[in-house]
């Protein structure tokens, strides 16, 4: 997204605001700058680093009916990992 890094725009869900269900539509409606950022990318998947961002971006996508999905960043990291056989079932080994 542009702008990005320290100049990126907030998802409006940080600091626990994601948990305030009564504010969901208000937050999503007021965050048109993030909607524009997502639309400009053309992305169908928006990777999010934390639960709050996932909820905030998910609310924006749902409210504005964007053709995209919010996914956790770690979902893709774990799919890309190669885990050695000896560590796959470490809890059940004696």
N, C-alpha and C. Protein backbone atom coordinates (compact mmCIF):
# COMPACT_ATOMS: atom_id res chain seq x y z
N UNK A 1 0.83 -1.18 0.00
CA UNK A 1 0.00 0.00 0.00
C UNK A 1 0.87 1.25 0.00
N UNK A 2 0.34 2.28 -0.51
CA UNK A 2 1.04 3.55 -0.48
C UNK A 2 0.09 4.61 0.10
N UNK A 3 0.55 5.41 1.01
CA UNK A 3 1.86 5.36 1.64
C UNK A 3 1.97 4.14 2.56
N UNK A 4 3.20 3.79 2.91
CA UNK A 4 3.41 2.60 3.74
C UNK A 4 4.40 2.88 4.85
N UNK A 5 4.75 1.82 5.55
CA UNK A 5 5.65 1.85 6.71
C UNK A 5 5.16 2.89 7.72
N UNK A 6 6.03 3.76 8.17
CA UNK A 6 5.63 4.71 9.22
C UNK A 6 4.65 5.78 8.71
N UNK A 7 4.41 5.81 7.40
CA UNK A 7 3.49 6.79 6.83
C UNK A 7 2.14 6.17 6.45
N UNK A 8 1.97 4.90 6.73
CA UNK A 8 0.74 4.21 6.40
C UNK A 8 -0.41 4.76 7.23
N UNK A 9 -1.62 4.51 6.80
CA UNK A 9 -2.80 4.93 7.53
C UNK A 9 -3.32 3.78 8.38
N UNK A 10 -3.87 4.11 9.52
CA UNK A 10 -4.34 3.14 10.50
C UNK A 10 -5.61 2.44 10.03
N UNK A 11 -5.82 1.23 10.52
CA UNK A 11 -7.04 0.47 10.22
C UNK A 11 -8.19 0.89 11.14
N UNK A 12 -7.92 1.74 12.12
CA UNK A 12 -8.90 2.22 13.10
C UNK A 12 -9.35 1.15 14.09
N UNK A 13 -8.55 0.14 14.32
CA UNK A 13 -8.95 -0.90 15.26
C UNK A 13 -7.91 -1.11 16.36
N UNK A 14 -6.86 -0.34 16.37
CA UNK A 14 -5.80 -0.51 17.36
C UNK A 14 -6.24 -0.11 18.76
N UNK A 15 -5.41 -0.47 19.71
CA UNK A 15 -5.67 -0.08 21.09
C UNK A 15 -6.93 -0.68 21.68
N UNK A 16 -7.40 -1.78 21.12
CA UNK A 16 -8.59 -2.44 21.67
C UNK A 16 -9.89 -1.96 21.05
N UNK A 17 -9.85 -1.00 20.15
CA UNK A 17 -11.09 -0.52 19.52
C UNK A 17 -11.79 -1.62 18.74
N UNK A 18 -11.04 -2.63 18.31
CA UNK A 18 -11.64 -3.73 17.54
C UNK A 18 -12.71 -4.44 18.34
N UNK A 19 -12.60 -4.42 19.65
CA UNK A 19 -13.55 -5.14 20.50
C UNK A 19 -14.85 -4.39 20.72
N UNK A 20 -14.91 -3.14 20.35
CA UNK A 20 -16.12 -2.34 20.57
C UNK A 20 -17.09 -2.52 19.41
N UNK A 21 -17.92 -3.54 19.51
CA UNK A 21 -18.82 -3.90 18.41
C UNK A 21 -19.73 -2.75 18.00
N UNK A 22 -20.16 -1.92 18.94
CA UNK A 22 -21.08 -0.84 18.59
C UNK A 22 -20.42 0.23 17.73
N UNK A 23 -19.11 0.20 17.63
CA UNK A 23 -18.38 1.18 16.83
C UNK A 23 -17.97 0.65 15.47
N UNK A 24 -18.28 -0.60 15.17
CA UNK A 24 -17.80 -1.24 13.94
C UNK A 24 -18.17 -0.43 12.69
N UNK A 25 -19.45 -0.15 12.49
CA UNK A 25 -19.87 0.58 11.29
C UNK A 25 -19.30 1.99 11.29
N UNK A 26 -19.25 2.61 12.45
CA UNK A 26 -18.73 3.98 12.55
C UNK A 26 -17.26 4.03 12.13
N UNK A 27 -16.47 3.06 12.63
CA UNK A 27 -15.04 3.02 12.30
C UNK A 27 -14.84 2.74 10.82
N UNK A 28 -15.56 1.78 10.28
CA UNK A 28 -15.41 1.40 8.88
C UNK A 28 -15.89 2.52 7.95
N UNK A 29 -16.98 3.15 8.30
CA UNK A 29 -17.53 4.23 7.48
C UNK A 29 -16.58 5.41 7.42
N UNK A 30 -15.94 5.70 8.53
CA UNK A 30 -15.05 6.85 8.61
C UNK A 30 -13.65 6.61 8.08
N UNK A 31 -13.34 5.41 7.65
CA UNK A 31 -11.98 5.10 7.24
C UNK A 31 -11.88 4.95 5.72
N UNK A 32 -12.38 5.93 5.00
CA UNK A 32 -12.34 5.86 3.54
C UNK A 32 -10.92 5.93 2.99
N UNK A 33 -10.01 6.51 3.75
CA UNK A 33 -8.62 6.57 3.27
C UNK A 33 -8.01 5.16 3.18
N UNK A 34 -8.37 4.27 4.12
CA UNK A 34 -7.88 2.89 4.07
C UNK A 34 -8.59 2.13 2.95
N UNK A 35 -9.87 2.42 2.74
CA UNK A 35 -10.60 1.82 1.61
C UNK A 35 -9.90 2.16 0.31
N UNK A 36 -9.57 3.43 0.13
CA UNK A 36 -8.88 3.87 -1.08
C UNK A 36 -7.53 3.17 -1.23
N UNK A 37 -6.80 3.03 -0.12
CA UNK A 37 -5.51 2.33 -0.18
C UNK A 37 -5.68 0.90 -0.67
N UNK A 38 -6.65 0.20 -0.10
CA UNK A 38 -6.89 -1.20 -0.48
C UNK A 38 -7.30 -1.29 -1.95
N UNK A 39 -8.22 -0.44 -2.37
CA UNK A 39 -8.68 -0.47 -3.76
C UNK A 39 -7.56 -0.17 -4.75
N UNK A 40 -6.68 0.76 -4.41
CA UNK A 40 -5.57 1.11 -5.32
C UNK A 40 -4.61 -0.06 -5.53
N UNK A 41 -4.51 -0.96 -4.56
CA UNK A 41 -3.61 -2.10 -4.73
C UNK A 41 -4.17 -3.12 -5.71
N UNK A 42 -5.49 -3.21 -5.79
CA UNK A 42 -6.10 -4.24 -6.62
C UNK A 42 -6.03 -5.62 -5.98
N UNK A 43 -5.57 -5.67 -4.74
CA UNK A 43 -5.37 -6.94 -4.04
C UNK A 43 -6.69 -7.61 -3.69
N UNK A 44 -6.70 -8.91 -3.77
CA UNK A 44 -7.84 -9.72 -3.33
C UNK A 44 -7.64 -10.22 -1.91
N UNK A 45 -6.39 -10.17 -1.43
CA UNK A 45 -6.04 -10.58 -0.07
C UNK A 45 -5.24 -9.46 0.57
N UNK A 46 -5.68 -9.07 1.77
CA UNK A 46 -4.96 -8.05 2.54
C UNK A 46 -4.37 -8.75 3.76
N UNK A 47 -3.05 -8.84 3.82
CA UNK A 47 -2.38 -9.49 4.95
C UNK A 47 -2.34 -8.53 6.13
N UNK A 48 -2.68 -9.04 7.29
CA UNK A 48 -2.71 -8.22 8.50
C UNK A 48 -1.77 -8.81 9.54
N UNK A 49 -1.06 -7.95 10.28
CA UNK A 49 -0.07 -8.43 11.22
C UNK A 49 -0.62 -8.82 12.59
N UNK A 50 -1.79 -8.32 12.97
CA UNK A 50 -2.29 -8.60 14.32
C UNK A 50 -3.80 -8.73 14.33
N UNK A 51 -4.33 -9.16 15.46
CA UNK A 51 -5.78 -9.37 15.59
C UNK A 51 -6.54 -8.07 15.38
N UNK A 52 -6.07 -6.97 15.96
CA UNK A 52 -6.77 -5.70 15.81
C UNK A 52 -6.84 -5.27 14.35
N UNK A 53 -5.70 -5.34 13.66
CA UNK A 53 -5.68 -4.98 12.24
C UNK A 53 -6.59 -5.90 11.42
N UNK A 54 -6.56 -7.18 11.74
CA UNK A 54 -7.39 -8.14 11.02
C UNK A 54 -8.86 -7.77 11.17
N UNK A 55 -9.25 -7.45 12.37
CA UNK A 55 -10.65 -7.07 12.62
C UNK A 55 -10.97 -5.75 11.93
N UNK A 56 -10.09 -4.76 12.05
CA UNK A 56 -10.33 -3.46 11.44
C UNK A 56 -10.43 -3.54 9.93
N UNK A 57 -9.48 -4.22 9.30
CA UNK A 57 -9.49 -4.37 7.84
C UNK A 57 -10.68 -5.22 7.41
N UNK A 58 -10.97 -6.27 8.17
CA UNK A 58 -12.13 -7.11 7.87
C UNK A 58 -13.43 -6.33 7.92
N UNK A 59 -13.55 -5.46 8.92
CA UNK A 59 -14.75 -4.62 9.03
C UNK A 59 -14.87 -3.66 7.85
N UNK A 60 -13.75 -3.09 7.44
CA UNK A 60 -13.75 -2.19 6.29
C UNK A 60 -14.18 -2.93 5.02
N UNK A 61 -13.60 -4.11 4.81
CA UNK A 61 -13.93 -4.92 3.63
C UNK A 61 -15.41 -5.26 3.62
N UNK A 62 -15.93 -5.67 4.76
CA UNK A 62 -17.34 -6.05 4.86
C UNK A 62 -18.25 -4.84 4.67
N UNK A 63 -17.97 -3.75 5.38
CA UNK A 63 -18.83 -2.57 5.32
C UNK A 63 -18.89 -1.99 3.90
N UNK A 64 -17.75 -1.89 3.24
CA UNK A 64 -17.67 -1.28 1.91
C UNK A 64 -17.86 -2.31 0.79
N UNK A 65 -18.09 -3.58 1.17
CA UNK A 65 -18.31 -4.66 0.20
C UNK A 65 -17.18 -4.73 -0.84
N UNK A 66 -15.97 -4.70 -0.34
CA UNK A 66 -14.80 -4.80 -1.22
C UNK A 66 -14.60 -6.24 -1.65
N UNK A 67 -14.06 -6.43 -2.82
CA UNK A 67 -13.78 -7.76 -3.35
C UNK A 67 -12.40 -8.20 -2.86
N UNK A 68 -12.30 -8.40 -1.56
CA UNK A 68 -11.02 -8.78 -0.94
C UNK A 68 -11.31 -9.51 0.36
N UNK A 69 -10.28 -10.14 0.90
CA UNK A 69 -10.37 -10.84 2.18
C UNK A 69 -9.20 -10.41 3.05
N UNK A 70 -9.45 -10.32 4.35
CA UNK A 70 -8.37 -10.08 5.31
C UNK A 70 -7.84 -11.43 5.77
N UNK A 71 -6.54 -11.57 5.73
CA UNK A 71 -5.89 -12.80 6.18
C UNK A 71 -4.76 -12.44 7.13
N UNK A 72 -4.53 -13.31 8.09
CA UNK A 72 -3.41 -13.11 9.00
C UNK A 72 -2.10 -13.39 8.29
N UNK A 73 -1.11 -12.56 8.51
CA UNK A 73 0.22 -12.72 7.93
C UNK A 73 0.80 -14.08 8.27
N UNK A 74 0.60 -14.52 9.53
CA UNK A 74 1.20 -15.79 9.95
C UNK A 74 0.57 -17.00 9.26
N UNK A 75 -0.62 -16.86 8.69
CA UNK A 75 -1.21 -17.97 7.93
C UNK A 75 -0.31 -18.34 6.76
N UNK A 76 0.26 -17.34 6.13
CA UNK A 76 1.10 -17.57 4.96
C UNK A 76 2.53 -17.93 5.36
N UNK A 77 3.00 -17.40 6.46
CA UNK A 77 4.33 -17.76 6.95
C UNK A 77 4.36 -19.24 7.30
N UNK A 78 3.35 -19.72 8.03
CA UNK A 78 3.34 -21.13 8.43
C UNK A 78 3.17 -22.07 7.24
N UNK A 79 2.44 -21.63 6.21
CA UNK A 79 2.31 -22.46 5.01
C UNK A 79 3.63 -22.58 4.27
N UNK A 80 4.47 -21.56 4.38
CA UNK A 80 5.75 -21.55 3.67
C UNK A 80 6.86 -22.25 4.44
N UNK A 81 6.63 -22.54 5.71
CA UNK A 81 7.67 -23.15 6.54
C UNK A 81 7.90 -24.61 6.18
N UNK A 82 9.13 -25.01 6.27
CA UNK A 82 9.48 -26.42 6.13
C UNK A 82 9.88 -26.89 7.52
N UNK A 83 9.08 -27.81 8.06
CA UNK A 83 9.31 -28.29 9.42
C UNK A 83 9.97 -29.67 9.34
N UNK A 84 11.11 -29.83 9.98
CA UNK A 84 11.78 -31.13 9.96
C UNK A 84 10.88 -32.22 10.55
N UNK A 85 10.98 -33.40 9.99
CA UNK A 85 10.15 -34.52 10.43
C UNK A 85 10.22 -34.75 11.94
N UNK A 86 11.41 -34.60 12.52
CA UNK A 86 11.54 -34.88 13.96
C UNK A 86 10.82 -33.85 14.83
N UNK A 87 10.35 -32.76 14.27
CA UNK A 87 9.64 -31.74 15.05
C UNK A 87 8.14 -31.71 14.78
N UNK A 88 7.68 -32.47 13.82
CA UNK A 88 6.27 -32.43 13.43
C UNK A 88 5.37 -32.89 14.55
N UNK A 89 5.69 -33.97 15.21
CA UNK A 89 4.82 -34.51 16.26
C UNK A 89 5.60 -34.60 17.57
N UNK A 90 6.25 -33.55 17.93
CA UNK A 90 7.14 -33.56 19.09
C UNK A 90 6.39 -33.79 20.41
N UNK A 91 5.14 -33.33 20.49
CA UNK A 91 4.39 -33.48 21.75
C UNK A 91 3.99 -34.93 22.02
N UNK A 92 3.81 -35.73 20.98
CA UNK A 92 3.36 -37.11 21.18
C UNK A 92 4.51 -38.12 21.23
N UNK A 93 5.72 -37.64 21.07
CA UNK A 93 6.87 -38.54 21.15
C UNK A 93 7.32 -38.66 22.61
N UNK A 94 7.82 -39.82 22.94
CA UNK A 94 8.28 -40.02 24.33
C UNK A 94 9.76 -40.12 24.38
